[in-house]
Amino acid sequence: MNVNVKEKMTVLSDMRVMRDLQSELLLGQSASSSRRVCDSDSAAVRKVKQLTDLLDRMLALDSEKRISISDALHHPFFTDSETHPHSHT
């Protein structure tokens, strides 16, 4: 069987942010309460901010700006003892 491999390049012309993940996660967090979540509300808010920061770094289109695996594993989302669910401090 003869298989021809062709390189495909896609040009992204519209790079606008369509959704704000952090806001959506925080709205979900506040859905269980009658009040709006403030930035200083809780460890859960800090965890959401850490998660969105980590995802932004992992999904950077420019590979030079993308976080390395090693750096990702040392990101505060995984290492912050104040918000880590398995912390024994």
PDB file of N, CA and C in Angstrom:
ATOM      1  N   MET A   1       0.845  -1.173   0.000  1.00  0.00           N
ATOM      2  CA  MET A   1       0.000   0.000   0.000  1.00  0.00           C
ATOM      3  C   MET A   1       0.887   1.232   0.000  1.00  0.00           C
ATOM      4  N   ASN A   2       0.592   2.170  -0.869  1.00  0.00           N
ATOM      5  CA  ASN A   2       1.352   3.396  -0.979  1.00  0.00           C
ATOM      6  C   ASN A   2       0.574   4.535  -0.308  1.00  0.00           C
ATOM      7  N   VAL A   3       1.173   5.145   0.688  1.00  0.00           N
ATOM      8  CA  VAL A   3       0.504   6.219   1.417  1.00  0.00           C
ATOM      9  C   VAL A   3       1.289   7.506   1.210  1.00  0.00           C
ATOM     10  N   ASN A   4       0.600   8.512   0.727  1.00  0.00           N
ATOM     11  CA  ASN A   4       1.217   9.830   0.558  1.00  0.00           C
ATOM     12  C   ASN A   4       0.867  10.696   1.766  1.00  0.00           C
ATOM     13  N   VAL A   5       1.878  11.313   2.332  1.00  0.00           N
ATOM     14  CA  VAL A   5       1.666  12.179   3.484  1.00  0.00           C
ATOM     15  C   VAL A   5       1.838  13.617   3.027  1.00  0.00           C
ATOM     16  N   LYS A   6       0.808  14.419   3.262  1.00  0.00           N
ATOM     17  CA  LYS A   6       0.869  15.830   2.907  1.00  0.00           C
ATOM     18  C   LYS A   6       0.771  16.651   4.181  1.00  0.00           C
ATOM     19  N   GLU A   7       1.612  17.663   4.282  1.00  0.00           N
ATOM     20  CA  GLU A   7       1.562  18.557   5.430  1.00  0.00           C
ATOM     21  C   GLU A   7       0.422  19.542   5.223  1.00  0.00           C
ATOM     22  N   LYS A   8      -0.342  19.771   6.268  1.00  0.00           N
ATOM     23  CA  LYS A   8      -1.474  20.690   6.188  1.00  0.00           C
ATOM     24  C   LYS A   8      -1.240  21.842   7.150  1.00  0.00           C
ATOM     25  N   MET A   9      -1.435  23.063   6.666  1.00  0.00           N
ATOM     26  CA  MET A   9      -1.290  24.241   7.501  1.00  0.00           C
ATOM     27  C   MET A   9      -2.628  24.966   7.528  1.00  0.00           C
ATOM     28  N   THR A  10      -3.098  25.276   8.730  1.00  0.00           N
ATOM     29  CA  THR A  10      -4.330  26.019   8.890  1.00  0.00           C
ATOM     30  C   THR A  10      -4.000  27.390   9.447  1.00  0.00           C
ATOM     31  N   VAL A  11      -4.478  28.416   8.795  1.00  0.00           N
ATOM     32  CA  VAL A  11      -4.251  29.784   9.243  1.00  0.00           C
ATOM     33  C   VAL A  11      -5.467  30.221  10.046  1.00  0.00           C
ATOM     34  N   LEU A  12      -5.223  30.596  11.294  1.00  0.00           N
ATOM     35  CA  LEU A  12      -6.303  31.058  12.166  1.00  0.00           C
ATOM     36  C   LEU A  12      -6.419  32.567  12.021  1.00  0.00           C
ATOM     37  N   SER A  13      -7.534  33.021  11.492  1.00  0.00           N
ATOM     38  CA  SER A  13      -7.691  34.452  11.245  1.00  0.00           C
ATOM     39  C   SER A  13      -8.449  35.161  12.371  1.00  0.00           C
ATOM     40  N   ASP A  14      -9.228  34.438  13.129  1.00  0.00           N
ATOM     41  CA  ASP A  14     -10.012  35.040  14.201  1.00  0.00           C
ATOM     42  C   ASP A  14      -9.544  34.475  15.534  1.00  0.00           C
ATOM     43  N   MET A  15      -8.768  35.256  16.280  1.00  0.00           N
ATOM     44  CA  MET A  15      -8.178  34.776  17.530  1.00  0.00           C
ATOM     45  C   MET A  15      -8.818  35.450  18.750  1.00  0.00           C
ATOM     46  N   ARG A  16     -10.059  35.906  18.597  1.00  0.00           N
ATOM     47  CA  ARG A  16     -10.739  36.536  19.731  1.00  0.00           C
ATOM     48  C   ARG A  16     -11.127  35.488  20.762  1.00  0.00           C
ATOM     49  N   VAL A  17     -11.113  35.894  22.018  1.00  0.00           N
ATOM     50  CA  VAL A  17     -11.569  35.018  23.094  1.00  0.00           C
ATOM     51  C   VAL A  17     -13.082  34.935  23.012  1.00  0.00           C
ATOM     52  N   MET A  18     -13.594  33.725  22.905  1.00  0.00           N
ATOM     53  CA  MET A  18     -15.031  33.547  22.765  1.00  0.00           C
ATOM     54  C   MET A  18     -15.714  33.298  24.112  1.00  0.00           C
ATOM     55  N   ARG A  19     -15.016  32.674  25.047  1.00  0.00           N
ATOM     56  CA  ARG A  19     -15.580  32.365  26.356  1.00  0.00           C
ATOM     57  C   ARG A  19     -14.497  32.576  27.411  1.00  0.00           C
ATOM     58  N   ASP A  20     -14.916  32.939  28.594  1.00  0.00           N
ATOM     59  CA  ASP A  20     -13.996  33.133  29.702  1.00  0.00           C
ATOM     60  C   ASP A  20     -14.195  31.986  30.693  1.00  0.00           C
ATOM     61  N   LEU A  21     -13.312  31.000  30.637  1.00  0.00           N
ATOM     62  CA  LEU A  21     -13.431  29.810  31.471  1.00  0.00           C
ATOM     63  C   LEU A  21     -13.471  30.153  32.953  1.00  0.00           C
ATOM     64  N   GLN A  22     -12.599  31.064  33.379  1.00  0.00           N
ATOM     65  CA  GLN A  22     -12.550  31.413  34.802  1.00  0.00           C
ATOM     66  C   GLN A  22     -13.892  31.969  35.267  1.00  0.00           C
ATOM     67  N   SER A  23     -14.484  32.857  34.498  1.00  0.00           N
ATOM     68  CA  SER A  23     -15.790  33.425  34.886  1.00  0.00           C
ATOM     69  C   SER A  23     -16.861  32.348  34.931  1.00  0.00           C
ATOM     70  N   GLU A  24     -16.843  31.460  33.949  1.00  0.00           N
ATOM     71  CA  GLU A  24     -17.844  30.394  33.932  1.00  0.00           C
ATOM     72  C   GLU A  24     -17.691  29.455  35.122  1.00  0.00           C
ATOM     73  N   LEU A  25     -16.459  29.135  35.487  1.00  0.00           N
ATOM     74  CA  LEU A  25     -16.236  28.266  36.645  1.00  0.00           C
ATOM     75  C   LEU A  25     -16.638  28.969  37.936  1.00  0.00           C
ATOM     76  N   LEU A  26     -16.342  30.250  38.035  1.00  0.00           N
ATOM     77  CA  LEU A  26     -16.728  30.993  39.234  1.00  0.00           C
ATOM     78  C   LEU A  26     -18.239  31.152  39.320  1.00  0.00           C
ATOM     79  N   LEU A  27     -18.909  31.314  38.196  1.00  0.00           N
ATOM     80  CA  LEU A  27     -20.372  31.380  38.218  1.00  0.00           C
ATOM     81  C   LEU A  27     -20.951  30.052  38.687  1.00  0.00           C
ATOM     82  N   GLY A  28     -20.358  28.960  38.255  1.00  0.00           N
ATOM     83  CA  GLY A  28     -20.789  27.644  38.713  1.00  0.00           C
ATOM     84  C   GLY A  28     -20.570  27.491  40.201  1.00  0.00           C
ATOM     85  N   GLN A  29     -19.483  28.060  40.699  1.00  0.00           N
ATOM     86  CA  GLN A  29     -19.168  28.014  42.119  1.00  0.00           C
ATOM     87  C   GLN A  29     -20.216  28.786  42.922  1.00  0.00           C
ATOM     88  N   SER A  30     -20.680  29.922  42.362  1.00  0.00           N
ATOM     89  CA  SER A  30     -21.627  30.744  43.105  1.00  0.00           C
ATOM     90  C   SER A  30     -23.072  30.299  42.904  1.00  0.00           C
ATOM     91  N   ALA A  31     -23.311  29.387  41.975  1.00  0.00           N
ATOM     92  CA  ALA A  31     -24.683  28.936  41.714  1.00  0.00           C
ATOM     93  C   ALA A  31     -25.303  28.272  42.934  1.00  0.00           C
ATOM     94  N   SER A  32     -24.471  27.678  43.792  1.00  0.00           N
ATOM     95  CA  SER A  32     -25.002  27.005  44.972  1.00  0.00           C
ATOM     96  C   SER A  32     -25.299  27.978  46.114  1.00  0.00           C
ATOM     97  N   SER A  33     -24.886  29.217  45.956  1.00  0.00           N
ATOM     98  CA  SER A  33     -25.187  30.209  46.990  1.00  0.00           C
ATOM     99  C   SER A  33     -25.963  31.361  46.363  1.00  0.00           C
ATOM    100  N   SER A  34     -26.607  32.141  47.192  1.00  0.00           N
ATOM    101  CA  SER A  34     -27.427  33.234  46.672  1.00  0.00           C
ATOM    102  C   SER A  34     -26.600  34.478  46.394  1.00  0.00           C
ATOM    103  N   ARG A  35     -25.343  34.491  46.803  1.00  0.00           N
ATOM    104  CA  ARG A  35     -24.518  35.678  46.588  1.00  0.00           C
ATOM    105  C   ARG A  35     -23.480  35.436  45.508  1.00  0.00           C
ATOM    106  N   ARG A  36     -22.963  36.503  44.961  1.00  0.00           N
ATOM    107  CA  ARG A  36     -21.949  36.440  43.918  1.00  0.00           C
ATOM    108  C   ARG A  36     -20.592  36.160  44.562  1.00  0.00           C
ATOM    109  N   VAL A  37     -19.770  35.358  43.902  1.00  0.00           N
ATOM    110  CA  VAL A  37     -18.447  35.022  44.424  1.00  0.00           C
ATOM    111  C   VAL A  37     -17.507  36.203  44.210  1.00  0.00           C
ATOM    112  N   CYS A  38     -16.813  36.610  45.265  1.00  0.00           N
ATOM    113  CA  CYS A  38     -15.823  37.677  45.174  1.00  0.00           C
ATOM    114  C   CYS A  38     -14.449  37.059  44.970  1.00  0.00           C
ATOM    115  N   ASP A  39     -13.498  37.883  44.489  1.00  0.00           N
ATOM    116  CA  ASP A  39     -12.150  37.380  44.248  1.00  0.00           C
ATOM    117  C   ASP A  39     -11.493  36.827  45.506  1.00  0.00           C
ATOM    118  N   SER A  40     -11.807  37.384  46.666  1.00  0.00           N
ATOM    119  CA  SER A  40     -11.149  36.961  47.896  1.00  0.00           C
ATOM    120  C   SER A  40     -12.000  35.982  48.697  1.00  0.00           C
ATOM    121  N   ASP A  41     -13.012  35.392  48.075  1.00  0.00           N
ATOM    122  CA  ASP A  41     -13.990  34.582  48.790  1.00  0.00           C
ATOM    123  C   ASP A  41     -13.432  33.332  49.453  1.00  0.00           C
ATOM    124  N   SER A  42     -12.696  32.506  48.720  1.00  0.00           N
ATOM    125  CA  SER A  42     -12.350  31.213  49.287  1.00  0.00           C
ATOM    126  C   SER A  42     -11.166  30.567  48.598  1.00  0.00           C
ATOM    127  N   ALA A  43     -10.751  29.457  49.167  1.00  0.00           N
ATOM    128  CA  ALA A  43      -9.693  28.658  48.553  1.00  0.00           C
ATOM    129  C   ALA A  43     -10.147  28.111  47.203  1.00  0.00           C
ATOM    130  N   ALA A  44     -11.443  27.869  47.064  1.00  0.00           N
ATOM    131  CA  ALA A  44     -11.974  27.357  45.789  1.00  0.00           C
ATOM    132  C   ALA A  44     -11.782  28.376  44.673  1.00  0.00           C
ATOM    133  N   VAL A  45     -11.953  29.650  44.983  1.00  0.00           N
ATOM    134  CA  VAL A  45     -11.744  30.696  43.978  1.00  0.00           C
ATOM    135  C   VAL A  45     -10.284  30.728  43.567  1.00  0.00           C
ATOM    136  N   ARG A  46      -9.383  30.627  44.555  1.00  0.00           N
ATOM    137  CA  ARG A  46      -7.951  30.618  44.236  1.00  0.00           C
ATOM    138  C   ARG A  46      -7.606  29.404  43.378  1.00  0.00           C
ATOM    139  N   LYS A  47      -8.221  28.258  43.687  1.00  0.00           N
ATOM    140  CA  LYS A  47      -7.968  27.046  42.912  1.00  0.00           C
ATOM    141  C   LYS A  47      -8.438  27.216  41.466  1.00  0.00           C
ATOM    142  N   VAL A  48      -9.588  27.854  41.273  1.00  0.00           N
ATOM    143  CA  VAL A  48     -10.094  28.108  39.923  1.00  0.00           C
ATOM    144  C   VAL A  48      -9.118  29.007  39.162  1.00  0.00           C
ATOM    145  N   LYS A  49      -8.610  30.037  39.825  1.00  0.00           N
ATOM    146  CA  LYS A  49      -7.643  30.938  39.179  1.00  0.00           C
ATOM    147  C   LYS A  49      -6.362  30.189  38.820  1.00  0.00           C
ATOM    148  N   GLN A  50      -5.900  29.321  39.715  1.00  0.00           N
ATOM    149  CA  GLN A  50      -4.707  28.525  39.425  1.00  0.00           C
ATOM    150  C   GLN A  50      -4.951  27.598  38.239  1.00  0.00           C
ATOM    151  N   LEU A  51      -6.112  26.965  38.200  1.00  0.00           N
ATOM    152  CA  LEU A  51      -6.440  26.056  37.107  1.00  0.00           C
ATOM    153  C   LEU A  51      -6.484  26.791  35.772  1.00  0.00           C
ATOM    154  N   THR A  52      -7.144  27.943  35.737  1.00  0.00           N
ATOM    155  CA  THR A  52      -7.233  28.666  34.466  1.00  0.00           C
ATOM    156  C   THR A  52      -5.864  29.177  34.024  1.00  0.00           C
ATOM    157  N   ASP A  53      -5.025  29.574  34.966  1.00  0.00           N
ATOM    158  CA  ASP A  53      -3.665  29.986  34.618  1.00  0.00           C
ATOM    159  C   ASP A  53      -2.892  28.808  34.024  1.00  0.00           C
ATOM    160  N   LEU A  54      -2.983  27.653  34.661  1.00  0.00           N
ATOM    161  CA  LEU A  54      -2.293  26.459  34.168  1.00  0.00           C
ATOM    162  C   LEU A  54      -2.784  26.084  32.771  1.00  0.00           C
ATOM    163  N   LEU A  55      -4.089  26.076  32.568  1.00  0.00           N
ATOM    164  CA  LEU A  55      -4.639  25.742  31.248  1.00  0.00           C
ATOM    165  C   LEU A  55      -4.207  26.749  30.193  1.00  0.00           C
ATOM    166  N   ASP A  56      -4.208  28.033  30.522  1.00  0.00           N
ATOM    167  CA  ASP A  56      -3.732  29.053  29.573  1.00  0.00           C
ATOM    168  C   ASP A  56      -2.297  28.776  29.149  1.00  0.00           C
ATOM    169  N   ARG A  57      -1.459  28.423  30.119  1.00  0.00           N
ATOM    170  CA  ARG A  57      -0.049  28.139  29.811  1.00  0.00           C
ATOM    171  C   ARG A  57       0.125  26.847  29.019  1.00  0.00           C
ATOM    172  N   MET A  58      -0.692  25.851  29.327  1.00  0.00           N
ATOM    173  CA  MET A  58      -0.592  24.562  28.621  1.00  0.00           C
ATOM    174  C   MET A  58      -1.105  24.660  27.183  1.00  0.00           C
ATOM    175  N   LEU A  59      -2.085  25.516  26.964  1.00  0.00           N
ATOM    176  CA  LEU A  59      -2.727  25.597  25.651  1.00  0.00           C
ATOM    177  C   LEU A  59      -2.225  26.761  24.795  1.00  0.00           C
ATOM    178  N   ALA A  60      -1.118  27.375  25.204  1.00  0.00           N
ATOM    179  CA  ALA A  60      -0.551  28.475  24.409  1.00  0.00           C
ATOM    180  C   ALA A  60      -0.250  27.988  22.995  1.00  0.00           C
ATOM    181  N   LEU A  61      -0.692  28.743  22.008  1.00  0.00           N
ATOM    182  CA  LEU A  61      -0.460  28.361  20.617  1.00  0.00           C
ATOM    183  C   LEU A  61       1.020  28.399  20.257  1.00  0.00           C
ATOM    184  N   ASP A  62       1.732  29.378  20.790  1.00  0.00           N
ATOM    185  CA  ASP A  62       3.170  29.500  20.531  1.00  0.00           C
ATOM    186  C   ASP A  62       3.910  28.510  21.424  1.00  0.00           C
ATOM    187  N   SER A  63       4.529  27.519  20.809  1.00  0.00           N
ATOM    188  CA  SER A  63       5.200  26.467  21.582  1.00  0.00           C
ATOM    189  C   SER A  63       6.346  27.009  22.436  1.00  0.00           C
ATOM    190  N   GLU A  64       6.908  28.139  22.044  1.00  0.00           N
ATOM    191  CA  GLU A  64       7.977  28.753  22.842  1.00  0.00           C
ATOM    192  C   GLU A  64       7.431  29.320  24.157  1.00  0.00           C
ATOM    193  N   LYS A  65       6.158  29.687  24.166  1.00  0.00           N
ATOM    194  CA  LYS A  65       5.537  30.257  25.364  1.00  0.00           C
ATOM    195  C   LYS A  65       4.808  29.205  26.193  1.00  0.00           C
ATOM    196  N   ARG A  66       4.626  28.010  25.652  1.00  0.00           N
ATOM    197  CA  ARG A  66       3.887  26.940  26.331  1.00  0.00           C
ATOM    198  C   ARG A  66       4.689  26.414  27.522  1.00  0.00           C
ATOM    199  N   ILE A  67       4.017  26.108  28.601  1.00  0.00           N
ATOM    200  CA  ILE A  67       4.655  25.602  29.812  1.00  0.00           C
ATOM    201  C   ILE A  67       5.192  24.182  29.568  1.00  0.00           C
ATOM    202  N   SER A  68       6.348  23.897  30.137  1.00  0.00           N
ATOM    203  CA  SER A  68       6.914  22.549  29.993  1.00  0.00           C
ATOM    204  C   SER A  68       6.193  21.590  30.947  1.00  0.00           C
ATOM    205  N   ILE A  69       6.347  20.308  30.707  1.00  0.00           N
ATOM    206  CA  ILE A  69       5.721  19.304  31.578  1.00  0.00           C
ATOM    207  C   ILE A  69       6.241  19.447  33.002  1.00  0.00           C
ATOM    208  N   SER A  70       7.543  19.609  33.128  1.00  0.00           N
ATOM    209  CA  SER A  70       8.150  19.742  34.455  1.00  0.00           C
ATOM    210  C   SER A  70       7.619  20.971  35.190  1.00  0.00           C
ATOM    211  N   ASP A  71       7.568  22.109  34.475  1.00  0.00           N
ATOM    212  CA  ASP A  71       7.042  23.328  35.097  1.00  0.00           C
ATOM    213  C   ASP A  71       5.562  23.183  35.441  1.00  0.00           C
ATOM    214  N   ALA A  72       4.817  22.503  34.588  1.00  0.00           N
ATOM    215  CA  ALA A  72       3.388  22.288  34.854  1.00  0.00           C
ATOM    216  C   ALA A  72       3.191  21.486  36.136  1.00  0.00           C
ATOM    217  N   LEU A  73       4.017  20.477  36.338  1.00  0.00           N
ATOM    218  CA  LEU A  73       3.889  19.650  37.537  1.00  0.00           C
ATOM    219  C   LEU A  73       4.258  20.411  38.810  1.00  0.00           C
ATOM    220  N   HIS A  74       5.002  21.511  38.658  1.00  0.00           N
ATOM    221  CA  HIS A  74       5.374  22.337  39.807  1.00  0.00           C
ATOM    222  C   HIS A  74       4.515  23.595  39.904  1.00  0.00           C
ATOM    223  N   HIS A  75       3.464  23.658  39.115  1.00  0.00           N
ATOM    224  CA  HIS A  75       2.567  24.816  39.121  1.00  0.00           C
ATOM    225  C   HIS A  75       1.791  24.835  40.446  1.00  0.00           C
ATOM    226  N   PRO A  76       1.458  26.023  40.951  1.00  0.00           N
ATOM    227  CA  PRO A  76       0.705  26.119  42.216  1.00  0.00           C
ATOM    228  C   PRO A  76      -0.601  25.330  42.228  1.00  0.00           C
ATOM    229  N   PHE A  77      -1.212  25.083  41.074  1.00  0.00           N
ATOM    230  CA  PHE A  77      -2.436  24.283  41.055  1.00  0.00           C
ATOM    231  C   PHE A  77      -2.193  22.926  41.703  1.00  0.00           C
ATOM    232  N   PHE A  78      -1.002  22.378  41.515  1.00  0.00           N
ATOM    233  CA  PHE A  78      -0.655  21.074  42.093  1.00  0.00           C
ATOM    234  C   PHE A  78       0.084  21.184  43.419  1.00  0.00           C
ATOM    235  N   THR A  79       0.792  22.289  43.645  1.00  0.00           N
ATOM    236  CA  THR A  79       1.683  22.353  44.804  1.00  0.00           C
ATOM    237  C   THR A  79       1.215  23.236  45.949  1.00  0.00           C
ATOM    238  N   ASP A  80       0.215  24.078  45.733  1.00  0.00           N
ATOM    239  CA  ASP A  80      -0.249  24.995  46.770  1.00  0.00           C
ATOM    240  C   ASP A  80      -0.862  24.203  47.924  1.00  0.00           C
ATOM    241  N   SER A  81      -0.170  24.166  49.047  1.00  0.00           N
ATOM    242  CA  SER A  81      -0.628  23.351  50.181  1.00  0.00           C
ATOM    243  C   SER A  81      -1.893  23.905  50.832  1.00  0.00           C
ATOM    244  N   GLU A  82      -2.179  25.199  50.673  1.00  0.00           N
ATOM    245  CA  GLU A  82      -3.369  25.780  51.284  1.00  0.00           C
ATOM    246  C   GLU A  82      -4.643  25.360  50.564  1.00  0.00           C
ATOM    247  N   THR A  83      -4.539  25.030  49.275  1.00  0.00           N
ATOM    248  CA  THR A  83      -5.746  24.670  48.527  1.00  0.00           C
ATOM    249  C   THR A  83      -5.696  23.236  48.004  1.00  0.00           C
ATOM    250  N   HIS A  84      -4.605  22.531  48.277  1.00  0.00           N
ATOM    251  CA  HIS A  84      -4.493  21.159  47.787  1.00  0.00           C
ATOM    252  C   HIS A  84      -5.386  20.255  48.634  1.00  0.00           C
ATOM    253  N   PRO A  85      -6.298  19.505  47.996  1.00  0.00           N
ATOM    254  CA  PRO A  85      -7.272  18.707  48.759  1.00  0.00           C
ATOM    255  C   PRO A  85      -6.661  17.598  49.600  1.00  0.00           C
ATOM    256  N   HIS A  86      -5.451  17.146  49.291  1.00  0.00           N
ATOM    257  CA  HIS A  86      -4.843  16.056  50.032  1.00  0.00           C
ATOM    258  C   HIS A  86      -3.746  16.523  50.969  1.00  0.00           C
ATOM    259  N   SER A  87      -3.751  17.810  51.280  1.00  0.00           N
ATOM    260  CA  SER A  87      -2.740  18.381  52.136  1.00  0.00           C
ATOM    261  C   SER A  87      -2.967  17.939  53.585  1.00  0.00           C
ATOM    262  N   HIS A  88      -1.877  17.661  54.279  1.00  0.00           N
ATOM    263  CA  HIS A  88      -1.954  17.240  55.688  1.00  0.00           C
ATOM    264  C   HIS A  88      -1.181  18.190  56.562  1.00  0.00           C
ATOM    265  N   THR A  89      -1.391  19.504  56.401  1.00  0.00           N
ATOM    266  CA  THR A  89      -0.650  20.485  57.198  1.00  0.00           C
ATOM    267  C   THR A  89      -1.439  20.949  58.383  1.00  0.00           C
TER     268      THR A  89
END
